[in-house]
Amino acid sequence: MASEGTLTGTYSPTGEGKFFFIMMAAFAELERDMIRERTMAGLAAARAQGRTGGRPTVMNTDTLAAAQARAGNGESPTQIAKALGVSRASVYRHLPTSNP
């Protein structure tokens, strides 16, 4: 049996139990809002310094031009991907005319 004053894991919707859970919910919401504000401020600061997030693209302008030239010569997306060292998905994504 738990002694009086310990948290036993039961919830009573009246009195001190209700107050405790309302306060915990309020603190959790406050903490979540503070995390969001700090995250957004950090992203804005990074953008101001010219940094962007995300994975770098493998299809730069030179690779894209080579892929377009190969597609113009009639090569398949699989052949283009192997020749340029990129995935077929990248070829399909950047060359909409090569989609089946």
N, C-alpha and C. Protein backbone atom coordinates (compact mmCIF):
# COMPACT_ATOMS: atom_id res chain seq x y z
N MET A 1 0.83 -1.17 0.00
CA MET A 1 0.00 0.00 0.00
C MET A 1 0.89 1.24 0.00
N ALA A 2 0.55 2.23 -0.81
CA ALA A 2 1.33 3.46 -0.89
C ALA A 2 1.00 4.36 0.28
N SER A 3 2.02 5.06 0.74
CA SER A 3 1.78 5.97 1.85
C SER A 3 1.08 7.22 1.36
N GLU A 4 0.47 7.92 2.28
CA GLU A 4 -0.26 9.13 1.92
C GLU A 4 0.73 10.17 1.39
N GLY A 5 0.36 10.87 0.33
CA GLY A 5 1.22 11.91 -0.20
C GLY A 5 2.11 11.46 -1.35
N THR A 6 2.13 10.19 -1.71
CA THR A 6 2.94 9.75 -2.84
C THR A 6 2.06 9.65 -4.07
N LEU A 7 2.65 9.80 -5.20
CA LEU A 7 1.92 9.69 -6.46
C LEU A 7 1.80 8.21 -6.82
N THR A 8 0.59 7.71 -6.85
CA THR A 8 0.38 6.28 -7.08
C THR A 8 0.02 5.94 -8.50
N GLY A 9 -0.12 6.95 -9.33
CA GLY A 9 -0.46 6.69 -10.72
C GLY A 9 -1.94 6.72 -10.99
N THR A 10 -2.72 7.02 -10.00
CA THR A 10 -4.16 7.14 -10.21
C THR A 10 -4.51 8.60 -10.38
N TYR A 11 -5.57 8.85 -11.07
CA TYR A 11 -6.00 10.22 -11.35
C TYR A 11 -7.37 10.44 -10.74
N SER A 12 -7.45 11.43 -9.88
CA SER A 12 -8.76 11.80 -9.34
C SER A 12 -9.13 13.15 -9.95
N PRO A 13 -10.25 13.24 -10.62
CA PRO A 13 -10.61 14.45 -11.35
C PRO A 13 -11.08 15.59 -10.45
N THR A 14 -10.83 15.52 -9.18
CA THR A 14 -11.25 16.59 -8.29
C THR A 14 -10.08 17.01 -7.41
N GLY A 15 -10.15 18.20 -6.92
CA GLY A 15 -9.21 18.67 -5.92
C GLY A 15 -7.78 18.73 -6.38
N GLU A 16 -6.89 18.25 -5.50
CA GLU A 16 -5.45 18.37 -5.73
C GLU A 16 -4.99 17.58 -6.95
N GLY A 17 -5.61 16.46 -7.22
CA GLY A 17 -5.21 15.67 -8.39
C GLY A 17 -5.47 16.42 -9.68
N LYS A 18 -6.60 17.05 -9.79
CA LYS A 18 -6.94 17.83 -10.98
C LYS A 18 -5.99 19.02 -11.12
N PHE A 19 -5.73 19.71 -10.02
CA PHE A 19 -4.81 20.84 -10.04
C PHE A 19 -3.42 20.41 -10.49
N PHE A 20 -2.93 19.28 -9.97
CA PHE A 20 -1.60 18.79 -10.32
C PHE A 20 -1.48 18.52 -11.82
N PHE A 21 -2.44 17.83 -12.38
CA PHE A 21 -2.37 17.50 -13.80
C PHE A 21 -2.56 18.71 -14.69
N ILE A 22 -3.37 19.67 -14.27
CA ILE A 22 -3.52 20.91 -15.04
C ILE A 22 -2.21 21.68 -15.04
N MET A 23 -1.54 21.73 -13.90
CA MET A 23 -0.26 22.43 -13.82
C MET A 23 0.81 21.73 -14.67
N MET A 24 0.83 20.41 -14.63
CA MET A 24 1.81 19.68 -15.45
C MET A 24 1.56 19.92 -16.94
N ALA A 25 0.29 19.95 -17.33
CA ALA A 25 -0.04 20.21 -18.74
C ALA A 25 0.37 21.63 -19.13
N ALA A 26 0.16 22.59 -18.23
CA ALA A 26 0.54 23.97 -18.52
C ALA A 26 2.06 24.10 -18.66
N PHE A 27 2.82 23.45 -17.78
CA PHE A 27 4.28 23.50 -17.89
C PHE A 27 4.78 22.81 -19.16
N ALA A 28 4.16 21.72 -19.53
CA ALA A 28 4.55 21.03 -20.75
C ALA A 28 4.28 21.90 -21.98
N GLU A 29 3.15 22.57 -21.98
CA GLU A 29 2.81 23.44 -23.11
C GLU A 29 3.77 24.63 -23.18
N LEU A 30 4.10 25.21 -22.03
CA LEU A 30 5.05 26.32 -21.98
C LEU A 30 6.41 25.88 -22.50
N GLU A 31 6.89 24.72 -22.07
CA GLU A 31 8.18 24.22 -22.51
C GLU A 31 8.18 23.97 -24.02
N ARG A 32 7.11 23.42 -24.54
CA ARG A 32 7.01 23.16 -25.98
C ARG A 32 7.05 24.46 -26.76
N ASP A 33 6.35 25.49 -26.28
CA ASP A 33 6.37 26.79 -26.95
C ASP A 33 7.76 27.40 -26.93
N MET A 34 8.47 27.26 -25.81
CA MET A 34 9.83 27.81 -25.72
C MET A 34 10.77 27.07 -26.67
N ILE A 35 10.64 25.77 -26.77
CA ILE A 35 11.47 24.99 -27.70
C ILE A 35 11.22 25.44 -29.13
N ARG A 36 9.95 25.63 -29.48
CA ARG A 36 9.60 26.06 -30.84
C ARG A 36 10.18 27.44 -31.14
N GLU A 37 10.07 28.38 -30.19
CA GLU A 37 10.62 29.72 -30.40
C GLU A 37 12.13 29.68 -30.59
N ARG A 38 12.83 28.88 -29.79
CA ARG A 38 14.29 28.78 -29.92
C ARG A 38 14.68 28.14 -31.25
N THR A 39 13.92 27.15 -31.67
CA THR A 39 14.21 26.49 -32.94
C THR A 39 14.02 27.46 -34.10
N MET A 40 12.91 28.19 -34.09
CA MET A 40 12.64 29.14 -35.17
C MET A 40 13.68 30.26 -35.19
N ALA A 41 14.11 30.73 -34.02
CA ALA A 41 15.14 31.76 -33.96
C ALA A 41 16.47 31.24 -34.51
N GLY A 42 16.80 30.00 -34.19
CA GLY A 42 18.03 29.40 -34.70
C GLY A 42 18.00 29.24 -36.20
N LEU A 43 16.87 28.81 -36.75
CA LEU A 43 16.74 28.67 -38.21
C LEU A 43 16.83 30.01 -38.90
N ALA A 44 16.21 31.04 -38.31
CA ALA A 44 16.28 32.38 -38.90
C ALA A 44 17.71 32.91 -38.88
N ALA A 45 18.44 32.67 -37.79
CA ALA A 45 19.83 33.11 -37.71
C ALA A 45 20.69 32.39 -38.74
N ALA A 46 20.46 31.11 -38.93
CA ALA A 46 21.22 30.35 -39.93
C ALA A 46 20.92 30.87 -41.33
N ARG A 47 19.65 31.14 -41.62
CA ARG A 47 19.29 31.69 -42.94
C ARG A 47 19.95 33.06 -43.15
N ALA A 48 20.02 33.88 -42.10
CA ALA A 48 20.64 35.20 -42.21
C ALA A 48 22.12 35.08 -42.53
N GLN A 49 22.76 33.99 -42.11
CA GLN A 49 24.17 33.76 -42.41
C GLN A 49 24.36 33.04 -43.74
N GLY A 50 23.27 32.78 -44.45
CA GLY A 50 23.36 32.16 -45.75
C GLY A 50 23.37 30.65 -45.74
N ARG A 51 23.12 30.04 -44.59
CA ARG A 51 23.10 28.58 -44.51
C ARG A 51 21.68 28.08 -44.70
N THR A 52 21.56 26.97 -45.39
CA THR A 52 20.25 26.33 -45.56
C THR A 52 20.38 24.89 -45.11
N GLY A 53 19.29 24.34 -44.63
CA GLY A 53 19.31 22.96 -44.18
C GLY A 53 18.97 22.01 -45.30
N GLY A 54 18.97 20.76 -44.97
CA GLY A 54 18.58 19.75 -45.94
C GLY A 54 19.77 19.08 -46.60
N ARG A 55 19.45 18.06 -47.32
CA ARG A 55 20.47 17.28 -47.99
C ARG A 55 20.88 17.98 -49.29
N PRO A 56 22.17 18.04 -49.59
CA PRO A 56 22.59 18.68 -50.84
C PRO A 56 22.15 17.87 -52.06
N THR A 57 21.85 18.56 -53.13
CA THR A 57 21.39 17.89 -54.33
C THR A 57 22.56 17.31 -55.11
N VAL A 58 22.33 16.20 -55.78
CA VAL A 58 23.39 15.59 -56.59
C VAL A 58 23.33 16.10 -58.02
N MET A 59 22.22 16.72 -58.39
CA MET A 59 22.05 17.21 -59.76
C MET A 59 22.35 18.71 -59.80
N ASN A 60 23.64 19.06 -59.96
CA ASN A 60 23.98 20.47 -60.15
C ASN A 60 23.75 20.83 -61.62
N THR A 61 24.06 22.04 -62.00
CA THR A 61 23.76 22.48 -63.37
C THR A 61 24.53 21.68 -64.42
N ASP A 62 25.78 21.33 -64.11
CA ASP A 62 26.58 20.55 -65.08
C ASP A 62 26.01 19.14 -65.26
N THR A 63 25.67 18.49 -64.14
CA THR A 63 25.12 17.14 -64.21
C THR A 63 23.77 17.15 -64.91
N LEU A 64 22.97 18.17 -64.62
CA LEU A 64 21.65 18.27 -65.26
C LEU A 64 21.80 18.47 -66.77
N ALA A 65 22.74 19.31 -67.17
CA ALA A 65 22.96 19.53 -68.61
C ALA A 65 23.41 18.24 -69.28
N ALA A 66 24.29 17.49 -68.63
CA ALA A 66 24.75 16.22 -69.19
C ALA A 66 23.60 15.23 -69.29
N ALA A 67 22.74 15.20 -68.28
CA ALA A 67 21.59 14.29 -68.30
C ALA A 67 20.63 14.66 -69.41
N GLN A 68 20.42 15.95 -69.60
CA GLN A 68 19.52 16.39 -70.67
C GLN A 68 20.09 16.05 -72.04
N ALA A 69 21.40 16.21 -72.19
CA ALA A 69 22.03 15.88 -73.47
C ALA A 69 21.92 14.38 -73.75
N ARG A 70 22.16 13.56 -72.74
CA ARG A 70 22.05 12.12 -72.92
C ARG A 70 20.61 11.71 -73.21
N ALA A 71 19.66 12.35 -72.56
CA ALA A 71 18.26 12.04 -72.83
C ALA A 71 17.90 12.44 -74.26
N GLY A 72 18.48 13.55 -74.71
CA GLY A 72 18.26 13.97 -76.09
C GLY A 72 18.83 13.00 -77.10
N ASN A 73 19.87 12.28 -76.70
CA ASN A 73 20.48 11.27 -77.58
C ASN A 73 19.75 9.93 -77.52
N GLY A 74 18.71 9.86 -76.71
CA GLY A 74 17.90 8.65 -76.67
C GLY A 74 18.29 7.64 -75.61
N GLU A 75 19.18 8.00 -74.69
CA GLU A 75 19.56 7.06 -73.64
C GLU A 75 18.42 6.91 -72.64
N SER A 76 18.34 5.74 -72.04
CA SER A 76 17.29 5.49 -71.04
C SER A 76 17.69 6.13 -69.71
N PRO A 77 16.72 6.38 -68.85
CA PRO A 77 17.05 6.94 -67.53
C PRO A 77 18.03 6.06 -66.74
N THR A 78 17.93 4.75 -66.89
CA THR A 78 18.86 3.85 -66.20
C THR A 78 20.27 4.05 -66.71
N GLN A 79 20.44 4.16 -68.02
CA GLN A 79 21.76 4.38 -68.60
C GLN A 79 22.33 5.73 -68.17
N ILE A 80 21.48 6.75 -68.15
CA ILE A 80 21.92 8.09 -67.75
C ILE A 80 22.38 8.06 -66.29
N ALA A 81 21.60 7.42 -65.43
CA ALA A 81 21.93 7.37 -64.00
C ALA A 81 23.26 6.66 -63.78
N LYS A 82 23.48 5.54 -64.47
CA LYS A 82 24.74 4.81 -64.31
C LYS A 82 25.92 5.64 -64.80
N ALA A 83 25.75 6.31 -65.93
CA ALA A 83 26.85 7.09 -66.51
C ALA A 83 27.21 8.29 -65.64
N LEU A 84 26.22 8.90 -64.99
CA LEU A 84 26.48 10.10 -64.20
C LEU A 84 26.71 9.81 -62.73
N GLY A 85 26.49 8.58 -62.31
CA GLY A 85 26.71 8.22 -60.91
C GLY A 85 25.65 8.76 -59.96
N VAL A 86 24.41 8.85 -60.46
CA VAL A 86 23.29 9.29 -59.62
C VAL A 86 22.22 8.20 -59.65
N SER A 87 21.22 8.35 -58.83
CA SER A 87 20.15 7.34 -58.80
C SER A 87 19.17 7.60 -59.95
N ARG A 88 18.45 6.53 -60.30
CA ARG A 88 17.41 6.69 -61.33
C ARG A 88 16.34 7.67 -60.87
N ALA A 89 16.04 7.65 -59.56
CA ALA A 89 15.02 8.56 -59.03
C ALA A 89 15.42 10.02 -59.27
N SER A 90 16.71 10.32 -59.14
CA SER A 90 17.18 11.69 -59.40
C SER A 90 16.99 12.05 -60.86
N VAL A 91 17.26 11.11 -61.74
CA VAL A 91 17.08 11.37 -63.17
C VAL A 91 15.61 11.62 -63.47
N TYR A 92 14.73 10.77 -62.96
CA TYR A 92 13.30 10.94 -63.18
C TYR A 92 12.80 12.25 -62.58
N ARG A 93 13.32 12.62 -61.41
CA ARG A 93 12.88 13.84 -60.74
C ARG A 93 13.26 15.09 -61.51
N HIS A 94 14.45 15.09 -62.10
CA HIS A 94 14.94 16.29 -62.77
C HIS A 94 14.69 16.33 -64.27
N LEU A 95 14.34 15.20 -64.84
CA LEU A 95 14.03 15.16 -66.27
C LEU A 95 12.59 14.67 -66.44
N PRO A 96 11.63 15.57 -66.35
CA PRO A 96 10.23 15.13 -66.42
C PRO A 96 9.86 14.51 -67.77
N THR A 97 10.63 14.82 -68.81
CA THR A 97 10.31 14.23 -70.11
C THR A 97 10.69 12.76 -70.18
N SER A 98 11.54 12.30 -69.24
CA SER A 98 11.96 10.91 -69.26
C SER A 98 11.02 10.01 -68.45
N ASN A 99 10.00 10.60 -67.82
CA ASN A 99 9.05 9.78 -67.05
C ASN A 99 8.25 8.91 -68.00
N PRO A 100 8.05 7.61 -67.62
CA PRO A 100 7.30 6.72 -68.51
C PRO A 100 5.83 7.04 -68.55
